[in-house]
Every structure is written in C-alpha cells, then in structure tokens.
N, C-alpha and C. Protein backbone atom coordinates (compact mmCIF):
# COMPACT_ATOMS: atom_id res chain seq x y z
N UNK A 1 -74.77 22.46 52.41
CA UNK A 1 -74.57 22.24 50.99
C UNK A 1 -74.71 20.75 50.64
N UNK A 2 -74.09 19.88 51.47
CA UNK A 2 -74.18 18.44 51.22
C UNK A 2 -75.63 17.98 51.30
N UNK A 3 -76.40 18.59 52.21
CA UNK A 3 -77.80 18.23 52.36
C UNK A 3 -78.59 18.58 51.11
N UNK A 4 -78.31 19.76 50.52
CA UNK A 4 -79.00 20.17 49.29
C UNK A 4 -78.68 19.23 48.14
N UNK A 5 -77.42 18.85 48.02
CA UNK A 5 -77.03 17.93 46.94
C UNK A 5 -77.71 16.58 47.15
N UNK A 6 -77.71 16.09 48.38
CA UNK A 6 -78.36 14.80 48.67
C UNK A 6 -79.85 14.86 48.38
N UNK A 7 -80.51 15.94 48.77
CA UNK A 7 -81.94 16.09 48.49
C UNK A 7 -82.22 16.16 46.99
N UNK A 8 -81.38 16.88 46.27
CA UNK A 8 -81.56 16.97 44.81
C UNK A 8 -81.38 15.60 44.17
N UNK A 9 -80.37 14.85 44.63
CA UNK A 9 -80.14 13.51 44.10
C UNK A 9 -81.31 12.59 44.41
N UNK A 10 -81.81 12.63 45.62
CA UNK A 10 -82.96 11.81 46.00
C UNK A 10 -84.20 12.17 45.18
N UNK A 11 -84.40 13.46 44.95
CA UNK A 11 -85.53 13.90 44.14
C UNK A 11 -85.44 13.40 42.72
N UNK A 12 -84.24 13.43 42.16
CA UNK A 12 -84.02 12.94 40.80
C UNK A 12 -84.28 11.44 40.74
N UNK A 13 -83.74 10.70 41.73
CA UNK A 13 -83.96 9.25 41.75
C UNK A 13 -85.43 8.91 41.93
N UNK A 14 -86.13 9.65 42.76
CA UNK A 14 -87.55 9.39 42.98
C UNK A 14 -88.35 9.66 41.72
N UNK A 15 -88.02 10.73 41.01
CA UNK A 15 -88.74 11.05 39.77
C UNK A 15 -88.50 9.98 38.72
N UNK A 16 -87.26 9.49 38.65
CA UNK A 16 -86.94 8.45 37.69
C UNK A 16 -87.65 7.15 38.05
N UNK A 17 -87.64 6.80 39.33
CA UNK A 17 -88.27 5.56 39.77
C UNK A 17 -89.79 5.63 39.66
N UNK A 18 -90.35 6.83 39.71
CA UNK A 18 -91.81 6.97 39.71
C UNK A 18 -92.41 6.69 38.34
N UNK A 19 -91.62 6.79 37.29
CA UNK A 19 -92.19 6.64 35.96
C UNK A 19 -91.44 5.61 35.12
N UNK A 20 -91.36 4.35 35.59
CA UNK A 20 -90.70 3.35 34.76
C UNK A 20 -91.54 3.05 33.52
N UNK A 21 -90.86 2.63 32.48
CA UNK A 21 -91.59 2.25 31.28
C UNK A 21 -92.39 0.98 31.56
N UNK A 22 -93.57 0.86 30.94
CA UNK A 22 -94.42 -0.31 31.19
C UNK A 22 -93.96 -1.53 30.40
N UNK A 23 -92.73 -1.98 30.68
CA UNK A 23 -92.15 -3.11 29.97
C UNK A 23 -91.79 -4.19 30.98
N UNK A 24 -92.23 -5.42 30.70
CA UNK A 24 -91.91 -6.56 31.55
C UNK A 24 -91.16 -7.57 30.70
N UNK A 25 -89.99 -8.02 31.12
CA UNK A 25 -89.28 -7.59 32.32
C UNK A 25 -88.69 -6.19 32.13
N UNK A 26 -88.43 -5.50 33.24
CA UNK A 26 -87.86 -4.17 33.18
C UNK A 26 -86.53 -4.21 32.44
N UNK A 27 -86.28 -3.22 31.58
CA UNK A 27 -85.01 -3.17 30.85
C UNK A 27 -83.81 -3.00 31.78
N UNK A 28 -82.64 -3.40 31.30
CA UNK A 28 -81.41 -3.22 32.05
C UNK A 28 -81.10 -1.73 32.16
N UNK A 29 -81.25 -1.01 31.05
CA UNK A 29 -80.95 0.43 31.03
C UNK A 29 -81.96 1.16 30.16
N UNK A 30 -82.36 2.34 30.59
CA UNK A 30 -83.27 3.19 29.84
C UNK A 30 -82.68 4.59 29.79
N UNK A 31 -82.51 5.10 28.58
CA UNK A 31 -82.01 6.46 28.42
C UNK A 31 -83.07 7.27 27.67
N UNK A 32 -83.76 8.18 28.37
CA UNK A 32 -84.81 8.97 27.70
C UNK A 32 -84.24 9.87 26.62
N UNK A 33 -85.03 10.10 25.60
CA UNK A 33 -84.66 11.02 24.53
C UNK A 33 -85.67 12.15 24.47
N UNK A 34 -85.64 12.88 23.37
CA UNK A 34 -86.58 13.99 23.19
C UNK A 34 -87.54 13.67 22.06
N UNK A 35 -88.81 13.99 22.28
CA UNK A 35 -89.82 13.79 21.26
C UNK A 35 -90.47 12.43 21.38
N UNK A 36 -91.16 12.05 20.31
CA UNK A 36 -91.88 10.78 20.29
C UNK A 36 -92.07 10.33 18.85
N UNK A 37 -92.11 9.04 18.65
CA UNK A 37 -92.37 8.44 17.34
C UNK A 37 -93.88 8.27 17.18
N UNK A 38 -94.41 8.75 16.07
CA UNK A 38 -95.84 8.63 15.80
C UNK A 38 -96.10 7.32 15.05
N UNK A 39 -96.61 6.33 15.76
CA UNK A 39 -96.97 5.05 15.16
C UNK A 39 -98.38 5.12 14.62
N UNK A 40 -98.58 4.62 13.40
CA UNK A 40 -99.91 4.63 12.79
C UNK A 40 -100.08 3.40 11.91
N UNK A 41 -101.22 3.30 11.27
CA UNK A 41 -101.51 2.18 10.37
C UNK A 41 -100.57 2.16 9.17
N UNK A 42 -99.93 3.30 8.86
CA UNK A 42 -99.00 3.34 7.73
C UNK A 42 -97.58 2.96 8.12
N UNK A 43 -97.34 2.75 9.41
CA UNK A 43 -95.99 2.35 9.85
C UNK A 43 -95.72 0.94 9.35
N UNK A 44 -94.57 0.78 8.70
CA UNK A 44 -94.18 -0.52 8.13
C UNK A 44 -92.96 -1.06 8.86
N UNK A 45 -92.65 -2.31 8.60
CA UNK A 45 -91.48 -2.96 9.20
C UNK A 45 -90.47 -3.23 8.10
N UNK A 46 -89.26 -2.69 8.26
CA UNK A 46 -88.14 -3.00 7.36
C UNK A 46 -87.24 -3.93 8.16
N UNK A 47 -86.92 -5.11 7.64
CA UNK A 47 -86.23 -6.11 8.45
C UNK A 47 -85.08 -6.78 7.73
N UNK A 48 -84.17 -7.28 8.51
CA UNK A 48 -83.09 -8.12 8.03
C UNK A 48 -83.72 -9.39 7.47
N UNK A 49 -83.21 -9.85 6.37
CA UNK A 49 -83.76 -11.05 5.71
C UNK A 49 -83.82 -12.25 6.66
N UNK A 50 -82.86 -12.35 7.58
CA UNK A 50 -82.82 -13.47 8.52
C UNK A 50 -83.90 -13.37 9.60
N UNK A 51 -84.58 -12.25 9.67
CA UNK A 51 -85.61 -12.04 10.68
C UNK A 51 -87.02 -12.04 10.07
N UNK A 52 -87.19 -12.72 8.96
CA UNK A 52 -88.49 -12.73 8.27
C UNK A 52 -89.61 -13.27 9.16
N UNK A 53 -89.35 -14.34 9.90
CA UNK A 53 -90.39 -14.92 10.76
C UNK A 53 -90.76 -13.97 11.89
N UNK A 54 -89.76 -13.33 12.52
CA UNK A 54 -90.02 -12.38 13.60
C UNK A 54 -90.76 -11.16 13.07
N UNK A 55 -90.40 -10.71 11.87
CA UNK A 55 -91.07 -9.55 11.26
C UNK A 55 -92.53 -9.87 10.95
N UNK A 56 -92.79 -11.08 10.45
CA UNK A 56 -94.17 -11.45 10.14
C UNK A 56 -95.02 -11.51 11.40
N UNK A 57 -94.50 -12.13 12.45
CA UNK A 57 -95.23 -12.21 13.72
C UNK A 57 -95.50 -10.80 14.27
N UNK A 58 -94.48 -9.94 14.24
CA UNK A 58 -94.62 -8.57 14.71
C UNK A 58 -95.67 -7.82 13.88
N UNK A 59 -95.61 -8.00 12.56
CA UNK A 59 -96.59 -7.35 11.67
C UNK A 59 -98.01 -7.81 11.99
N UNK A 60 -98.19 -9.10 12.23
CA UNK A 60 -99.51 -9.62 12.59
C UNK A 60 -100.02 -8.97 13.88
N UNK A 61 -99.13 -8.84 14.86
CA UNK A 61 -99.51 -8.21 16.13
C UNK A 61 -99.86 -6.73 15.94
N UNK A 62 -99.07 -6.02 15.13
CA UNK A 62 -99.36 -4.60 14.87
C UNK A 62 -100.66 -4.43 14.10
N UNK A 63 -100.94 -5.37 13.20
CA UNK A 63 -102.18 -5.29 12.41
C UNK A 63 -103.42 -5.37 13.30
N UNK A 64 -103.32 -6.11 14.39
CA UNK A 64 -104.44 -6.20 15.33
C UNK A 64 -104.72 -4.84 15.98
N UNK A 65 -103.67 -4.03 16.15
CA UNK A 65 -103.84 -2.70 16.75
C UNK A 65 -104.43 -1.70 15.76
N UNK A 66 -104.02 -1.83 14.50
CA UNK A 66 -104.43 -0.82 13.51
C UNK A 66 -105.68 -1.22 12.74
N UNK A 67 -105.96 -2.52 12.68
CA UNK A 67 -107.09 -2.98 11.89
C UNK A 67 -106.78 -3.08 10.41
N UNK A 68 -105.53 -2.83 10.02
CA UNK A 68 -105.10 -2.95 8.63
C UNK A 68 -103.80 -3.75 8.58
N UNK A 69 -103.53 -4.43 7.47
CA UNK A 69 -102.29 -5.20 7.37
C UNK A 69 -101.06 -4.29 7.47
N UNK A 70 -100.05 -4.76 8.20
CA UNK A 70 -98.79 -4.02 8.33
C UNK A 70 -97.84 -4.51 7.25
N UNK A 71 -97.29 -3.58 6.51
CA UNK A 71 -96.35 -3.90 5.43
C UNK A 71 -95.00 -4.31 6.01
N UNK A 72 -94.40 -5.34 5.42
CA UNK A 72 -93.03 -5.73 5.77
C UNK A 72 -92.20 -5.75 4.49
N UNK A 73 -90.98 -5.25 4.59
CA UNK A 73 -90.04 -5.29 3.47
C UNK A 73 -88.66 -5.63 4.01
N UNK A 74 -87.85 -6.28 3.19
CA UNK A 74 -86.48 -6.57 3.61
C UNK A 74 -85.63 -5.32 3.47
N UNK A 75 -84.56 -5.27 4.25
CA UNK A 75 -83.67 -4.10 4.22
C UNK A 75 -83.09 -3.87 2.83
N UNK A 76 -82.92 -4.95 2.08
CA UNK A 76 -82.31 -4.82 0.75
C UNK A 76 -83.17 -4.01 -0.22
N UNK A 77 -84.47 -4.03 -0.01
CA UNK A 77 -85.36 -3.25 -0.88
C UNK A 77 -85.23 -1.78 -0.51
N UNK A 78 -84.83 -0.98 -1.44
CA UNK A 78 -84.60 0.44 -1.19
C UNK A 78 -85.84 1.26 -1.55
N UNK A 79 -86.99 0.87 -1.00
CA UNK A 79 -88.20 1.62 -1.28
C UNK A 79 -88.47 2.58 -0.14
N UNK A 80 -89.11 3.68 -0.46
CA UNK A 80 -89.43 4.69 0.55
C UNK A 80 -90.59 4.21 1.41
N UNK A 81 -90.42 4.34 2.70
CA UNK A 81 -91.49 4.05 3.65
C UNK A 81 -91.72 5.33 4.46
N UNK A 82 -92.94 5.78 4.48
CA UNK A 82 -93.27 7.02 5.19
C UNK A 82 -92.94 6.93 6.67
N UNK A 83 -93.17 5.79 7.26
CA UNK A 83 -92.95 5.56 8.68
C UNK A 83 -92.51 4.11 8.84
N UNK A 84 -91.40 3.89 9.56
CA UNK A 84 -90.92 2.51 9.62
C UNK A 84 -90.34 2.15 10.98
N UNK A 85 -90.41 0.84 11.24
CA UNK A 85 -89.73 0.21 12.35
C UNK A 85 -88.68 -0.69 11.72
N UNK A 86 -87.43 -0.48 12.10
CA UNK A 86 -86.32 -1.24 11.52
C UNK A 86 -85.96 -2.38 12.47
N UNK A 87 -85.97 -3.59 11.95
CA UNK A 87 -85.67 -4.80 12.72
C UNK A 87 -84.37 -5.39 12.19
N UNK A 88 -83.32 -5.34 13.04
CA UNK A 88 -81.99 -5.72 12.58
C UNK A 88 -81.33 -6.76 13.48
N UNK A 89 -80.33 -7.44 12.91
CA UNK A 89 -79.47 -8.36 13.66
C UNK A 89 -78.07 -7.77 13.73
N UNK A 90 -77.43 -7.88 14.89
CA UNK A 90 -76.04 -7.48 15.03
C UNK A 90 -75.36 -8.42 16.02
N UNK A 91 -74.86 -9.57 15.53
CA UNK A 91 -74.22 -10.54 16.41
C UNK A 91 -73.00 -9.96 17.15
N UNK A 92 -72.42 -8.88 16.62
CA UNK A 92 -71.24 -8.27 17.26
C UNK A 92 -71.63 -7.21 18.29
N UNK A 93 -72.91 -6.94 18.45
CA UNK A 93 -73.36 -5.92 19.40
C UNK A 93 -72.94 -6.29 20.82
N UNK A 94 -72.66 -5.28 21.62
CA UNK A 94 -72.27 -5.48 23.01
C UNK A 94 -73.52 -5.78 23.85
N UNK A 95 -74.10 -6.94 23.59
CA UNK A 95 -75.33 -7.37 24.25
C UNK A 95 -75.18 -8.84 24.63
N UNK A 96 -75.89 -9.27 25.66
CA UNK A 96 -75.85 -10.70 26.00
C UNK A 96 -76.65 -11.51 24.97
N UNK A 97 -76.50 -12.83 24.95
CA UNK A 97 -77.36 -13.64 24.09
C UNK A 97 -78.82 -13.33 24.39
N UNK A 98 -79.64 -13.25 23.37
CA UNK A 98 -81.06 -12.90 23.46
C UNK A 98 -81.28 -11.44 23.86
N UNK A 99 -80.22 -10.64 23.85
CA UNK A 99 -80.34 -9.23 24.20
C UNK A 99 -80.76 -8.39 23.00
N UNK A 100 -81.23 -7.19 23.29
CA UNK A 100 -81.62 -6.26 22.24
C UNK A 100 -81.39 -4.83 22.68
N UNK A 101 -81.32 -3.96 21.70
CA UNK A 101 -81.30 -2.52 21.94
C UNK A 101 -82.46 -1.94 21.15
N UNK A 102 -83.27 -1.15 21.81
CA UNK A 102 -84.42 -0.50 21.20
C UNK A 102 -84.15 0.99 21.18
N UNK A 103 -84.09 1.56 19.99
CA UNK A 103 -83.84 2.99 19.84
C UNK A 103 -85.08 3.63 19.22
N UNK A 104 -85.72 4.51 19.98
CA UNK A 104 -86.90 5.20 19.49
C UNK A 104 -86.56 6.68 19.38
N UNK A 105 -86.74 7.23 18.17
CA UNK A 105 -86.56 8.66 17.95
C UNK A 105 -87.86 9.20 17.35
N UNK A 106 -87.91 10.47 17.12
CA UNK A 106 -89.10 11.06 16.52
C UNK A 106 -89.31 10.56 15.09
N UNK A 107 -88.26 10.08 14.43
CA UNK A 107 -88.36 9.67 13.03
C UNK A 107 -88.46 8.17 12.80
N UNK A 108 -87.92 7.37 13.72
CA UNK A 108 -87.92 5.93 13.48
C UNK A 108 -87.82 5.13 14.79
N UNK A 109 -88.14 3.86 14.67
CA UNK A 109 -87.93 2.90 15.75
C UNK A 109 -86.96 1.87 15.19
N UNK A 110 -85.91 1.59 15.96
CA UNK A 110 -84.90 0.64 15.51
C UNK A 110 -84.71 -0.41 16.60
N UNK A 111 -84.91 -1.67 16.23
CA UNK A 111 -84.72 -2.80 17.15
C UNK A 111 -83.51 -3.58 16.64
N UNK A 112 -82.46 -3.66 17.47
CA UNK A 112 -81.26 -4.38 17.10
C UNK A 112 -81.13 -5.58 18.03
N UNK A 113 -81.22 -6.77 17.49
CA UNK A 113 -81.09 -7.98 18.29
C UNK A 113 -79.71 -8.57 18.17
N UNK A 114 -79.18 -9.05 19.28
CA UNK A 114 -77.91 -9.78 19.25
C UNK A 114 -78.09 -11.03 18.40
N UNK A 115 -79.31 -11.58 18.46
CA UNK A 115 -79.69 -12.77 17.69
C UNK A 115 -81.19 -12.66 17.43
N UNK A 116 -81.76 -13.68 16.80
CA UNK A 116 -83.19 -13.63 16.47
C UNK A 116 -84.05 -13.52 17.73
N UNK A 117 -83.66 -14.20 18.81
CA UNK A 117 -84.43 -14.12 20.06
C UNK A 117 -84.41 -12.69 20.59
N UNK A 118 -83.26 -12.04 20.53
CA UNK A 118 -83.16 -10.66 20.99
C UNK A 118 -84.05 -9.73 20.16
N UNK A 119 -84.06 -9.92 18.85
CA UNK A 119 -84.93 -9.11 17.99
C UNK A 119 -86.39 -9.34 18.36
N UNK A 120 -86.76 -10.59 18.59
CA UNK A 120 -88.12 -10.91 19.00
C UNK A 120 -88.48 -10.19 20.30
N UNK A 121 -87.60 -10.28 21.30
CA UNK A 121 -87.88 -9.62 22.59
C UNK A 121 -88.00 -8.11 22.41
N UNK A 122 -87.24 -7.54 21.50
CA UNK A 122 -87.37 -6.12 21.22
C UNK A 122 -88.74 -5.77 20.66
N UNK A 123 -89.27 -6.64 19.80
CA UNK A 123 -90.62 -6.38 19.26
C UNK A 123 -91.66 -6.45 20.37
N UNK A 124 -91.46 -7.34 21.34
CA UNK A 124 -92.40 -7.45 22.46
C UNK A 124 -92.39 -6.17 23.30
N UNK A 125 -91.22 -5.57 23.44
CA UNK A 125 -91.13 -4.31 24.19
C UNK A 125 -91.88 -3.20 23.48
N UNK A 126 -91.75 -3.13 22.16
CA UNK A 126 -92.49 -2.12 21.41
C UNK A 126 -93.99 -2.32 21.60
N UNK A 127 -94.44 -3.56 21.50
CA UNK A 127 -95.88 -3.83 21.68
C UNK A 127 -96.36 -3.39 23.07
N UNK A 128 -95.52 -3.57 24.09
CA UNK A 128 -95.92 -3.16 25.44
C UNK A 128 -95.99 -1.65 25.58
N UNK A 129 -95.26 -0.92 24.75
CA UNK A 129 -95.30 0.55 24.80
C UNK A 129 -96.51 1.12 24.06
N UNK A 130 -97.11 0.31 23.21
CA UNK A 130 -98.30 0.75 22.47
C UNK A 130 -99.55 0.51 23.31
N UNK A 131 -100.60 1.29 23.08
CA UNK A 131 -101.82 1.09 23.86
C UNK A 131 -102.47 -0.27 23.53
N UNK A 132 -103.09 -0.86 24.54
CA UNK A 132 -103.78 -2.13 24.33
C UNK A 132 -105.05 -1.89 23.52
N UNK A 133 -105.47 -2.86 22.75
CA UNK A 133 -106.67 -2.70 21.93
C UNK A 133 -106.37 -1.92 20.67
N UNK A 134 -107.41 -1.44 20.03
CA UNK A 134 -107.25 -0.68 18.78
C UNK A 134 -106.76 0.73 19.07
N UNK A 135 -106.06 1.29 18.09
CA UNK A 135 -105.57 2.67 18.23
C UNK A 135 -106.72 3.66 18.17
N UNK A 136 -106.68 4.64 19.07
CA UNK A 136 -107.65 5.73 18.99
C UNK A 136 -107.04 6.83 18.15
N UNK A 137 -107.83 7.47 17.32
CA UNK A 137 -107.36 8.54 16.43
C UNK A 137 -106.27 8.07 15.48
N UNK A 138 -106.17 6.77 15.27
CA UNK A 138 -105.25 6.17 14.31
C UNK A 138 -103.78 6.40 14.59
N UNK A 139 -103.39 6.93 15.75
CA UNK A 139 -101.99 7.19 16.05
C UNK A 139 -101.69 6.93 17.52
N UNK A 140 -100.51 6.42 17.77
CA UNK A 140 -100.00 6.27 19.13
C UNK A 140 -98.58 6.83 19.15
N UNK A 141 -98.21 7.46 20.22
CA UNK A 141 -96.88 8.07 20.32
C UNK A 141 -96.01 7.27 21.27
N UNK A 142 -94.87 6.83 20.75
CA UNK A 142 -93.89 6.10 21.56
C UNK A 142 -92.83 7.11 22.02
N UNK A 143 -92.57 7.19 23.32
CA UNK A 143 -91.59 8.17 23.80
C UNK A 143 -90.19 7.86 23.28
N UNK A 144 -89.48 8.90 22.87
CA UNK A 144 -88.11 8.72 22.40
C UNK A 144 -87.26 8.21 23.56
N UNK A 145 -86.56 7.11 23.32
CA UNK A 145 -85.76 6.49 24.37
C UNK A 145 -84.84 5.45 23.74
N UNK A 146 -83.82 5.08 24.50
CA UNK A 146 -82.96 3.96 24.11
C UNK A 146 -83.02 2.97 25.26
N UNK A 147 -83.33 1.73 24.94
CA UNK A 147 -83.52 0.67 25.93
C UNK A 147 -82.58 -0.50 25.62
N UNK A 148 -81.95 -1.01 26.66
CA UNK A 148 -81.17 -2.25 26.51
C UNK A 148 -81.51 -3.18 27.63
C-alpha cells in the first residue's frame, strides 16, 4: 500500500514538474485553474492611476502582438470593456517588495503588484505566456492559473 501511495505521489510530482509555465524567473507558486482567457486585439488594460507608466509600456508591448493599439483606461472610468487585463496596486498584499500575484480566469486577467515594480513584473509574466510574434487567428489562450 505504501508503495502505491509513493508511486502515485511521484507520478503527480513528475507530471507537475514536466509542464512548468514558460516564465523566467520561475514563479514561487503556481496554482492551476480551469479554462483559459481568450486574449485578442480587443483586450484592453484597466489600471490603477498610479500605474499609468506601466500600463502604457504593457499596452505598447501588447500592440506589437496584435498589430493594433491596445486601449488603456483607469479603474475610475466605469466603461464596459469586452475583454480586459486589470493592473492593480495593493501595498498591503502578502507579497515581498517587487512581488506580484497574477490571476488568470476564463473571464479576466488580474495583475496585483505589491508596488509598481511588482505590477511591472506581472506584466512581463503575461507577455511570456503569450506566443512570440504576431497572434495567429487573432486570439491566444492563457491558461487559467494563479501565480505568485
């Protein structure tokens, strides 16, 4: 019985280790979710006002993938966005300085930075999850996951 449990545990660990996310540096923790977020040229960035520079840089990088300008709006603007990436600051978050939490669900992508550097690093992780070069078929799917 102990042998079966040990083999099952080793199999689980091997499966987990075999498919790490393509993010450098590797995240501290990764919790897989269900589904995927459909990123497209219509995906916009809703950001904390204090993260305007990080949002603009991120939008410029995303525009290179889509071939069209990426819309950015501050969180205070209550306009409807069909598809959005939320860029937030939370100095009280249980994260180290420059840390971030990336939450990807089927409906949204949320990047929470402990500070502006953390928010920036979170945007870099999203870019690493997207395909290099231009999007094929105008859509890329980001696996649902929570990363810290």
